Amino acid sequence: MSLCYYFVHLDTHQCNKSIHDSRHLLLCMAPVKFVSDTRSKGEKVDVKRDLEKIFEDFRWTIKGIVDKNRKIHPIPKIPQVVTGIFELFGKEKIIQLAKKKYQCKIIEGGSREYPDITLFGGRLGRKKIAVEIKTARRDPERPGRTSRMSLGSCAGYFLHPNKKMAGCRFPYGSYSEHWVVGCIYDWDESADSLGMVSNVEVIVHPKWKIASRSTATGDTAAIGSIVDISDLRGGKGEFASEKEFEDYWRNRGSRYQR
């Protein structure tokens, strides 16, 4: 049986449609508008500035899922589902940016593959850039703090940066830059699909600048982010340099080596 669904946005009358997965899931999203790039081709690319610009008005506008009979169903109140929706529409913005401004090659990662998006070539030159979209809920019991974002594994491909390994599209060490687009939001489980996520704030930093010395969840190989919102905004993680970050987490990652 073929299932046909749409994500419905607030005040959206037009949408872009694309096939998603083997069940022919159709996703409906608000069109993304971009201003033509008038910068000189010789101007240095500023990935942080460009990502911050396209996410400055990022909002949760999902009202539900519409089936082919136009019946609206609520979005499941499951963290992984919310994260998946942020990733879906976040990728759309990044891909549009890459096509319009960077004229570069774009490779999307798989569901369990690092990174979410790989960019290289075009105006980026020989650099290979990794972009990940992450989410964190504000903690109502600890004002000014969030849940901990998972910044990827410290084992496997991270532990062996010069090898092509499962879980990473290219050898980890072949990436010149590793960016995280972090979506911080308020959560209200009692609200409807449109209201359950609100007050979205997006931070953009190199991964090492928001990394902590704690795992994301328990005794796992997942690198955890810092949780103080002010520090997340400022990129004030627990490491003084990318090398210190990588040395620390590769030492931790060796515990998980098989």
C-alpha atoms as a PDB file:
ATOM      1  CA  MET A   1       0.000   0.000   0.000  1.00  0.00           C
ATOM      2  CA  SER A   2       1.317   3.428  -0.908  1.00  0.00           C
ATOM      3  CA  LEU A   3       1.026   6.072   1.816  1.00  0.00           C
ATOM      4  CA  CYS A   4       0.713   9.694   0.743  1.00  0.00           C
ATOM      5  CA  TYR A   5       1.166  12.386   3.425  1.00  0.00           C
ATOM      6  CA  TYR A   6       1.958  16.081   3.682  1.00  0.00           C
ATOM      7  CA  PHE A   7       3.423  18.177   6.476  1.00  0.00           C
ATOM      8  CA  VAL A   8       1.183  21.238   6.704  1.00  0.00           C
ATOM      9  CA  HIS A   9       2.606  24.660   7.560  1.00  0.00           C
ATOM     10  CA  LEU A  10       0.904  27.646   9.112  1.00  0.00           C
ATOM     11  CA  ASP A  11      -0.351  30.139   6.506  1.00  0.00           C
ATOM     12  CA  THR A  12       1.171  28.185   3.632  1.00  0.00           C
ATOM     13  CA  HIS A  13      -0.697  28.050   0.335  1.00  0.00           C
ATOM     14  CA  GLN A  14       2.036  26.736  -1.902  1.00  0.00           C
ATOM     15  CA  CYS A  15       4.536  24.005  -1.330  1.00  0.00           C
ATOM     16  CA  ASN A  16       7.446  22.131  -2.830  1.00  0.00           C
ATOM     17  CA  LYS A  17       6.842  18.383  -3.013  1.00  0.00           C
ATOM     18  CA  SER A  18       9.445  15.677  -2.985  1.00  0.00           C
ATOM     19  CA  ILE A  19       9.431  11.893  -2.756  1.00  0.00           C
ATOM     20  CA  HIS A  20      10.714  10.581   0.580  1.00  0.00           C
ATOM     21  CA  ASP A  21      11.500   6.913   1.309  1.00  0.00           C
ATOM     22  CA  SER A  22      10.155   3.689  -0.145  1.00  0.00           C
ATOM     23  CA  ARG A  23       6.581   4.328   0.974  1.00  0.00           C
ATOM     24  CA  HIS A  24       6.325   7.384  -1.280  1.00  0.00           C
ATOM     25  CA  LEU A  25       5.952   9.787   1.620  1.00  0.00           C
ATOM     26  CA  LEU A  26       5.358  13.263   0.194  1.00  0.00           C
ATOM     27  CA  LEU A  27       6.510  16.203   2.305  1.00  0.00           C
ATOM     28  CA  CYS A  28       4.984  19.649   1.876  1.00  0.00           C
ATOM     29  CA  MET A  29       7.120  22.585   2.956  1.00  0.00           C
ATOM     30  CA  ALA A  30       7.009  26.352   2.715  1.00  0.00           C
ATOM     31  CA  PRO A  31       9.093  27.632  -0.206  1.00  0.00           C
ATOM     32  CA  VAL A  32      12.460  29.031   0.843  1.00  0.00           C
ATOM     33  CA  LYS A  33      13.316  32.488  -0.475  1.00  0.00           C
ATOM     34  CA  PHE A  34      16.881  33.592  -1.102  1.00  0.00           C
ATOM     35  CA  VAL A  35      18.308  36.866  -2.298  1.00  0.00           C
ATOM     36  CA  SER A  36      20.514  36.596  -5.355  1.00  0.00           C
ATOM     37  CA  ASP A  37      24.214  36.439  -4.566  1.00  0.00           C
ATOM     38  CA  THR A  38      25.806  39.697  -5.692  1.00  0.00           C
ATOM     39  CA  ARG A  39      29.144  39.186  -3.943  1.00  0.00           C
ATOM     40  CA  SER A  40      32.332  38.997  -5.917  1.00  0.00           C
ATOM     41  CA  LYS A  41      33.382  35.481  -6.793  1.00  0.00           C
ATOM     42  CA  GLY A  42      36.755  36.306  -5.341  1.00  0.00           C
ATOM     43  CA  GLU A  43      35.326  37.182  -1.907  1.00  0.00           C
ATOM     44  CA  LYS A  44      36.116  34.710   0.850  1.00  0.00           C
ATOM     45  CA  VAL A  45      33.242  32.432   1.791  1.00  0.00           C
ATOM     46  CA  ASP A  46      32.001  32.957   5.367  1.00  0.00           C
ATOM     47  CA  VAL A  47      30.089  29.790   6.222  1.00  0.00           C
ATOM     48  CA  LYS A  48      29.143  30.915   9.731  1.00  0.00           C
ATOM     49  CA  ARG A  49      27.711  34.206   8.512  1.00  0.00           C
ATOM     50  CA  ASP A  50      25.808  32.554   5.672  1.00  0.00           C
ATOM     51  CA  LEU A  51      24.298  29.832   7.872  1.00  0.00           C
ATOM     52  CA  GLU A  52      23.293  32.315  10.558  1.00  0.00           C
ATOM     53  CA  LYS A  53      21.637  34.477   7.922  1.00  0.00           C
ATOM     54  CA  ILE A  54      19.447  31.754   6.436  1.00  0.00           C
ATOM     55  CA  PHE A  55      18.368  30.504   9.879  1.00  0.00           C
ATOM     56  CA  GLU A  56      17.680  33.893  11.469  1.00  0.00           C
ATOM     57  CA  ASP A  57      13.921  33.539  10.879  1.00  0.00           C
ATOM     58  CA  PHE A  58      13.727  29.764  11.416  1.00  0.00           C
ATOM     59  CA  ARG A  59      10.425  28.872  13.096  1.00  0.00           C
ATOM     60  CA  TRP A  60       8.319  25.817  13.862  1.00  0.00           C
ATOM     61  CA  THR A  61       5.271  26.124  11.577  1.00  0.00           C
ATOM     62  CA  ILE A  62       4.085  22.512  11.494  1.00  0.00           C
ATOM     63  CA  LYS A  63       0.357  22.043  12.072  1.00  0.00           C
ATOM     64  CA  GLY A  64       0.202  18.313  11.429  1.00  0.00           C
ATOM     65  CA  ILE A  65       0.334  15.593   8.805  1.00  0.00           C
ATOM     66  CA  VAL A  66      -2.304  15.561   6.071  1.00  0.00           C
ATOM     67  CA  ASP A  67      -3.269  12.299   4.408  1.00  0.00           C
ATOM     68  CA  LYS A  68      -4.613  11.988   0.872  1.00  0.00           C
ATOM     69  CA  ASN A  69      -8.162  12.489   2.159  1.00  0.00           C
ATOM     70  CA  ARG A  70      -7.082  15.866   3.584  1.00  0.00           C
ATOM     71  CA  LYS A  71      -7.482  14.731   7.156  1.00  0.00           C
ATOM     72  CA  ILE A  72      -4.950  16.349   9.508  1.00  0.00           C
ATOM     73  CA  HIS A  73      -3.181  14.087  12.002  1.00  0.00           C
ATOM     74  CA  PRO A  74      -1.089  15.386  14.927  1.00  0.00           C
ATOM     75  CA  ILE A  75       2.694  15.160  14.887  1.00  0.00           C
ATOM     76  CA  PRO A  76       3.862  12.396  17.279  1.00  0.00           C
ATOM     77  CA  LYS A  77       5.216  13.932  20.480  1.00  0.00           C
ATOM     78  CA  ILE A  78       8.493  12.053  20.261  1.00  0.00           C
ATOM     79  CA  PRO A  79      11.863  13.870  20.445  1.00  0.00           C
ATOM     80  CA  GLN A  80      13.285  11.950  17.480  1.00  0.00           C
ATOM     81  CA  VAL A  81      10.333  12.976  15.315  1.00  0.00           C
ATOM     82  CA  VAL A  82      10.733  16.648  16.213  1.00  0.00           C
ATOM     83  CA  THR A  83      14.471  16.442  15.508  1.00  0.00           C
ATOM     84  CA  GLY A  84      13.772  14.737  12.183  1.00  0.00           C
ATOM     85  CA  ILE A  85      11.462  17.557  11.123  1.00  0.00           C
ATOM     86  CA  PHE A  86      14.015  20.212  12.074  1.00  0.00           C
ATOM     87  CA  GLU A  87      16.616  18.288  10.083  1.00  0.00           C
ATOM     88  CA  LEU A  88      14.343  18.000   7.064  1.00  0.00           C
ATOM     89  CA  PHE A  89      13.597  21.712   6.740  1.00  0.00           C
ATOM     90  CA  GLY A  90      17.066  22.723   7.881  1.00  0.00           C
ATOM     91  CA  LYS A  91      18.626  20.665   5.101  1.00  0.00           C
ATOM     92  CA  GLU A  92      16.338  22.333   2.588  1.00  0.00           C
ATOM     93  CA  LYS A  93      17.677  25.741   3.587  1.00  0.00           C
ATOM     94  CA  ILE A  94      21.311  24.655   3.529  1.00  0.00           C
ATOM     95  CA  ILE A  95      20.988  22.976   0.142  1.00  0.00           C
ATOM     96  CA  GLN A  96      19.385  26.088  -1.337  1.00  0.00           C
ATOM     97  CA  LEU A  97      22.217  28.193   0.084  1.00  0.00           C
ATOM     98  CA  ALA A  98      24.881  25.861  -1.293  1.00  0.00           C
ATOM     99  CA  LYS A  99      23.349  25.831  -4.752  1.00  0.00           C
ATOM    100  CA  LYS A 100      22.756  29.563  -4.904  1.00  0.00           C
ATOM    101  CA  LYS A 101      25.875  31.009  -3.294  1.00  0.00           C
ATOM    102  CA  TYR A 102      28.543  28.333  -3.348  1.00  0.00           C
ATOM    103  CA  GLN A 103      27.727  26.530  -6.625  1.00  0.00           C
ATOM    104  CA  CYS A 104      29.281  23.492  -4.952  1.00  0.00           C
ATOM    105  CA  LYS A 105      28.660  19.775  -4.838  1.00  0.00           C
ATOM    106  CA  ILE A 106      26.176  18.634  -2.197  1.00  0.00           C
ATOM    107  CA  ILE A 107      25.964  15.176  -0.681  1.00  0.00           C
ATOM    108  CA  GLU A 108      23.328  14.291   1.910  1.00  0.00           C
ATOM    109  CA  GLY A 109      24.269  11.738   4.536  1.00  0.00           C
ATOM    110  CA  GLY A 110      22.174   8.685   5.358  1.00  0.00           C
ATOM    111  CA  SER A 111      20.024   8.323   8.467  1.00  0.00           C
ATOM    112  CA  ARG A 112      22.950   6.999  10.528  1.00  0.00           C
ATOM    113  CA  GLU A 113      25.779   8.658   8.674  1.00  0.00           C
ATOM    114  CA  TYR A 114      27.986  11.649   9.435  1.00  0.00           C
ATOM    115  CA  PRO A 115      27.506  14.386   8.400  1.00  0.00           C
ATOM    116  CA  ASP A 116      23.970  15.441   7.484  1.00  0.00           C
ATOM    117  CA  ILE A 117      25.374  17.406   4.540  1.00  0.00           C
ATOM    118  CA  THR A 118      28.785  17.440   2.851  1.00  0.00           C
ATOM    119  CA  LEU A 119      29.730  20.474   0.749  1.00  0.00           C
ATOM    120  CA  PHE A 120      32.777  20.767  -1.512  1.00  0.00           C
ATOM    121  CA  GLY A 121      33.972  22.272  -4.775  1.00  0.00           C
ATOM    122  CA  GLY A 122      32.621  25.397  -6.438  1.00  0.00           C
ATOM    123  CA  ARG A 123      33.349  28.535  -4.426  1.00  0.00           C
ATOM    124  CA  LEU A 124      34.523  26.344  -1.542  1.00  0.00           C
ATOM    125  CA  GLY A 125      37.508  25.232  -3.600  1.00  0.00           C
ATOM    126  CA  ARG A 126      39.259  22.151  -2.305  1.00  0.00           C
ATOM    127  CA  LYS A 127      37.724  22.405   1.153  1.00  0.00           C
ATOM    128  CA  LYS A 128      35.286  19.729   2.241  1.00  0.00           C
ATOM    129  CA  ILE A 129      32.775  21.027   4.780  1.00  0.00           C
ATOM    130  CA  ALA A 130      30.564  18.984   7.123  1.00  0.00           C
ATOM    131  CA  VAL A 131      27.284  20.440   8.369  1.00  0.00           C
ATOM    132  CA  GLU A 132      25.159  18.792  11.072  1.00  0.00           C
ATOM    133  CA  ILE A 133      21.720  19.886  12.290  1.00  0.00           C
ATOM    134  CA  LYS A 134      21.128  19.279  15.996  1.00  0.00           C
ATOM    135  CA  THR A 135      18.360  20.056  18.475  1.00  0.00           C
ATOM    136  CA  ALA A 136      18.142  20.785  22.200  1.00  0.00           C
ATOM    137  CA  ARG A 137      15.169  21.510  24.449  1.00  0.00           C
ATOM    138  CA  ARG A 138      15.320  24.254  27.027  1.00  0.00           C
ATOM    139  CA  ASP A 139      15.184  22.730  30.494  1.00  0.00           C
ATOM    140  CA  PRO A 140      12.202  24.189  32.419  1.00  0.00           C
ATOM    141  CA  GLU A 141      13.701  23.009  35.721  1.00  0.00           C
ATOM    142  CA  ARG A 142      17.098  24.581  35.040  1.00  0.00           C
ATOM    143  CA  PRO A 143      16.633  28.052  33.525  1.00  0.00           C
ATOM    144  CA  GLY A 144      19.326  28.986  31.068  1.00  0.00           C
ATOM    145  CA  ARG A 145      20.204  25.376  30.297  1.00  0.00           C
ATOM    146  CA  THR A 146      19.227  22.836  27.654  1.00  0.00           C
ATOM    147  CA  SER A 147      19.307  19.130  27.051  1.00  0.00           C
ATOM    148  CA  ARG A 148      22.663  17.923  25.746  1.00  0.00           C
ATOM    149  CA  MET A 149      23.100  17.707  21.973  1.00  0.00           C
ATOM    150  CA  SER A 150      24.853  14.675  20.537  1.00  0.00           C
ATOM    151  CA  LEU A 151      27.741  15.870  18.368  1.00  0.00           C
ATOM    152  CA  GLY A 152      28.583  12.537  16.797  1.00  0.00           C
ATOM    153  CA  SER A 153      30.636   9.521  17.781  1.00  0.00           C
ATOM    154  CA  CYS A 154      34.080   9.607  19.367  1.00  0.00           C
ATOM    155  CA  ALA A 155      34.803   6.060  18.155  1.00  0.00           C
ATOM    156  CA  GLY A 156      35.023   4.480  14.713  1.00  0.00           C
ATOM    157  CA  TYR A 157      35.527   7.070  11.993  1.00  0.00           C
ATOM    158  CA  PHE A 158      36.412   9.789  14.541  1.00  0.00           C
ATOM    159  CA  LEU A 159      39.079   7.604  16.116  1.00  0.00           C
ATOM    160  CA  HIS A 160      40.551   6.772  12.697  1.00  0.00           C
ATOM    161  CA  PRO A 161      40.286  10.049  10.756  1.00  0.00           C
ATOM    162  CA  ASN A 162      42.363   8.923   7.787  1.00  0.00           C
ATOM    163  CA  LYS A 163      40.315   5.821   7.018  1.00  0.00           C
ATOM    164  CA  LYS A 164      37.021   5.509   5.169  1.00  0.00           C
ATOM    165  CA  MET A 165      34.837   3.798   7.746  1.00  0.00           C
ATOM    166  CA  ALA A 166      31.178   2.978   8.237  1.00  0.00           C
ATOM    167  CA  GLY A 167      29.126   5.852   9.575  1.00  0.00           C
ATOM    168  CA  CYS A 168      30.977   8.653   7.780  1.00  0.00           C
ATOM    169  CA  ARG A 169      30.563   9.590   4.126  1.00  0.00           C
ATOM    170  CA  PHE A 170      34.259  10.445   3.688  1.00  0.00           C
ATOM    171  CA  PRO A 171      37.252   9.945   5.997  1.00  0.00           C
ATOM    172  CA  TYR A 172      36.646  12.249   8.953  1.00  0.00           C
ATOM    173  CA  GLY A 173      40.050  13.861   8.559  1.00  0.00           C
ATOM    174  CA  SER A 174      39.318  14.875   4.963  1.00  0.00           C
ATOM    175  CA  TYR A 175      36.882  17.543   6.206  1.00  0.00           C
ATOM    176  CA  SER A 176      38.395  21.001   6.648  1.00  0.00           C
ATOM    177  CA  GLU A 177      35.490  22.269   8.744  1.00  0.00           C
ATOM    178  CA  HIS A 178      32.817  20.667  10.948  1.00  0.00           C
ATOM    179  CA  TRP A 179      29.813  22.936  11.542  1.00  0.00           C
ATOM    180  CA  VAL A 180      26.833  22.446  13.856  1.00  0.00           C
ATOM    181  CA  VAL A 181      23.519  24.209  13.319  1.00  0.00           C
ATOM    182  CA  GLY A 182      21.901  23.877  16.738  1.00  0.00           C
ATOM    183  CA  CYS A 183      18.152  24.449  17.121  1.00  0.00           C
ATOM    184  CA  ILE A 184      17.183  25.313  20.705  1.00  0.00           C
ATOM    185  CA  TYR A 185      13.477  25.335  21.527  1.00  0.00           C
ATOM    186  CA  ASP A 186      10.780  25.337  24.220  1.00  0.00           C
ATOM    187  CA  TRP A 187       8.699  22.178  24.558  1.00  0.00           C
ATOM    188  CA  ASP A 188       5.043  21.921  25.656  1.00  0.00           C
ATOM    189  CA  GLU A 189       3.772  18.371  25.525  1.00  0.00           C
ATOM    190  CA  SER A 190       0.221  19.484  26.355  1.00  0.00           C
ATOM    191  CA  ALA A 191      -0.038  21.715  23.272  1.00  0.00           C
ATOM    192  CA  ASP A 192      -1.131  20.781  19.759  1.00  0.00           C
ATOM    193  CA  SER A 193       1.323  20.121  16.941  1.00  0.00           C
ATOM    194  CA  LEU A 194       1.766  23.799  16.130  1.00  0.00           C
ATOM    195  CA  GLY A 195       2.191  24.896  19.729  1.00  0.00           C
ATOM    196  CA  MET A 196       4.265  22.063  21.173  1.00  0.00           C
ATOM    197  CA  VAL A 197       7.484  23.644  19.827  1.00  0.00           C
ATOM    198  CA  SER A 198       8.104  27.370  20.261  1.00  0.00           C
ATOM    199  CA  ASN A 199      10.722  30.065  20.822  1.00  0.00           C
ATOM    200  CA  VAL A 200      13.198  28.527  18.382  1.00  0.00           C
ATOM    201  CA  GLU A 201      16.730  29.920  18.505  1.00  0.00           C
ATOM    202  CA  VAL A 202      19.479  28.751  16.143  1.00  0.00           C
ATOM    203  CA  ILE A 203      23.187  28.804  16.974  1.00  0.00           C
ATOM    204  CA  VAL A 204      25.956  28.114  14.462  1.00  0.00           C
ATOM    205  CA  HIS A 205      29.471  27.111  15.529  1.00  0.00           C
ATOM    206  CA  PRO A 206      32.293  24.737  14.664  1.00  0.00           C
ATOM    207  CA  LYS A 207      31.645  21.472  16.519  1.00  0.00           C
ATOM    208  CA  TRP A 208      34.621  21.744  18.862  1.00  0.00           C
ATOM    209  CA  LYS A 209      33.505  25.175  20.080  1.00  0.00           C
ATOM    210  CA  ILE A 210      30.317  23.829  21.680  1.00  0.00           C
ATOM    211  CA  ALA A 211      31.679  20.459  22.819  1.00  0.00           C
ATOM    212  CA  SER A 212      31.866  19.360  26.443  1.00  0.00           C
ATOM    213  CA  ARG A 213      33.840  16.632  28.185  1.00  0.00           C
ATOM    214  CA  SER A 214      30.640  14.660  28.826  1.00  0.00           C
ATOM    215  CA  THR A 215      28.924  12.108  26.639  1.00  0.00           C
ATOM    216  CA  ALA A 216      25.524  13.007  25.236  1.00  0.00           C
ATOM    217  CA  THR A 217      23.683  10.181  27.004  1.00  0.00           C
ATOM    218  CA  GLY A 218      25.128   7.935  29.675  1.00  0.00           C
ATOM    219  CA  ASP A 219      28.083   5.681  28.959  1.00  0.00           C
ATOM    220  CA  THR A 220      27.999   5.947  25.178  1.00  0.00           C
ATOM    221  CA  ALA A 221      30.438   6.971  22.453  1.00  0.00           C
ATOM    222  CA  ALA A 222      28.370  10.061  21.642  1.00  0.00           C
ATOM    223  CA  ILE A 223      30.157  13.386  22.164  1.00  0.00           C
ATOM    224  CA  GLY A 224      27.992  15.729  24.215  1.00  0.00           C
ATOM    225  CA  SER A 225      27.567  19.465  23.820  1.00  0.00           C
ATOM    226  CA  ILE A 226      27.716  22.052  26.552  1.00  0.00           C
ATOM    227  CA  VAL A 227      24.292  22.920  27.978  1.00  0.00           C
ATOM    228  CA  ASP A 228      24.518  26.532  29.144  1.00  0.00           C
ATOM    229  CA  ILE A 229      22.542  28.603  26.635  1.00  0.00           C
ATOM    230  CA  SER A 230      24.751  31.680  27.002  1.00  0.00           C
ATOM    231  CA  ASP A 231      27.841  29.563  26.317  1.00  0.00           C
ATOM    232  CA  LEU A 232      26.139  27.888  23.357  1.00  0.00           C
ATOM    233  CA  ARG A 233      25.411  31.302  21.882  1.00  0.00           C
ATOM    234  CA  GLY A 234      28.990  32.406  22.350  1.00  0.00           C
ATOM    235  CA  GLY A 235      30.638  29.154  21.268  1.00  0.00           C
ATOM    236  CA  LYS A 236      32.308  28.864  24.678  1.00  0.00           C
ATOM    237  CA  GLY A 237      32.822  25.135  24.943  1.00  0.00           C
ATOM    238  CA  GLU A 238      35.184  23.256  27.244  1.00  0.00           C
ATOM    239  CA  PHE A 239      38.170  23.140  24.867  1.00  0.00           C
ATOM    240  CA  ALA A 240      40.714  25.789  23.966  1.00  0.00           C
ATOM    241  CA  SER A 241      41.336  24.441  20.468  1.00  0.00           C
ATOM    242  CA  GLU A 242      40.131  21.897  17.942  1.00  0.00           C
ATOM    243  CA  LYS A 243      43.260  19.816  18.568  1.00  0.00           C
ATOM    244  CA  GLU A 244      42.579  19.649  22.294  1.00  0.00           C
ATOM    245  CA  PHE A 245      39.004  18.587  21.547  1.00  0.00           C
ATOM    246  CA  GLU A 246      40.077  15.858  19.132  1.00  0.00           C
ATOM    247  CA  ASP A 247      42.876  14.564  21.386  1.00  0.00           C
ATOM    248  CA  TYR A 248      40.549  14.329  24.386  1.00  0.00           C
ATOM    249  CA  TRP A 249      37.724  12.580  22.569  1.00  0.00           C
ATOM    250  CA  ARG A 250      39.974  10.200  20.669  1.00  0.00           C
ATOM    251  CA  ASN A 251      41.431   9.116  23.987  1.00  0.00           C
ATOM    252  CA  ARG A 252      37.881   8.547  25.256  1.00  0.00           C
ATOM    253  CA  GLY A 253      36.943   6.851  21.997  1.00  0.00           C
ATOM    254  CA  SER A 254      39.687   4.272  22.346  1.00  0.00           C
ATOM    255  CA  ARG A 255      37.594   2.663  25.106  1.00  0.00           C
ATOM    256  CA  TYR A 256      34.962   1.744  22.554  1.00  0.00           C
ATOM    257  CA  GLN A 257      37.354   0.351  19.974  1.00  0.00           C
ATOM    258  CA  ARG A 258      36.541  -3.203  18.968  1.00  0.00           C
END
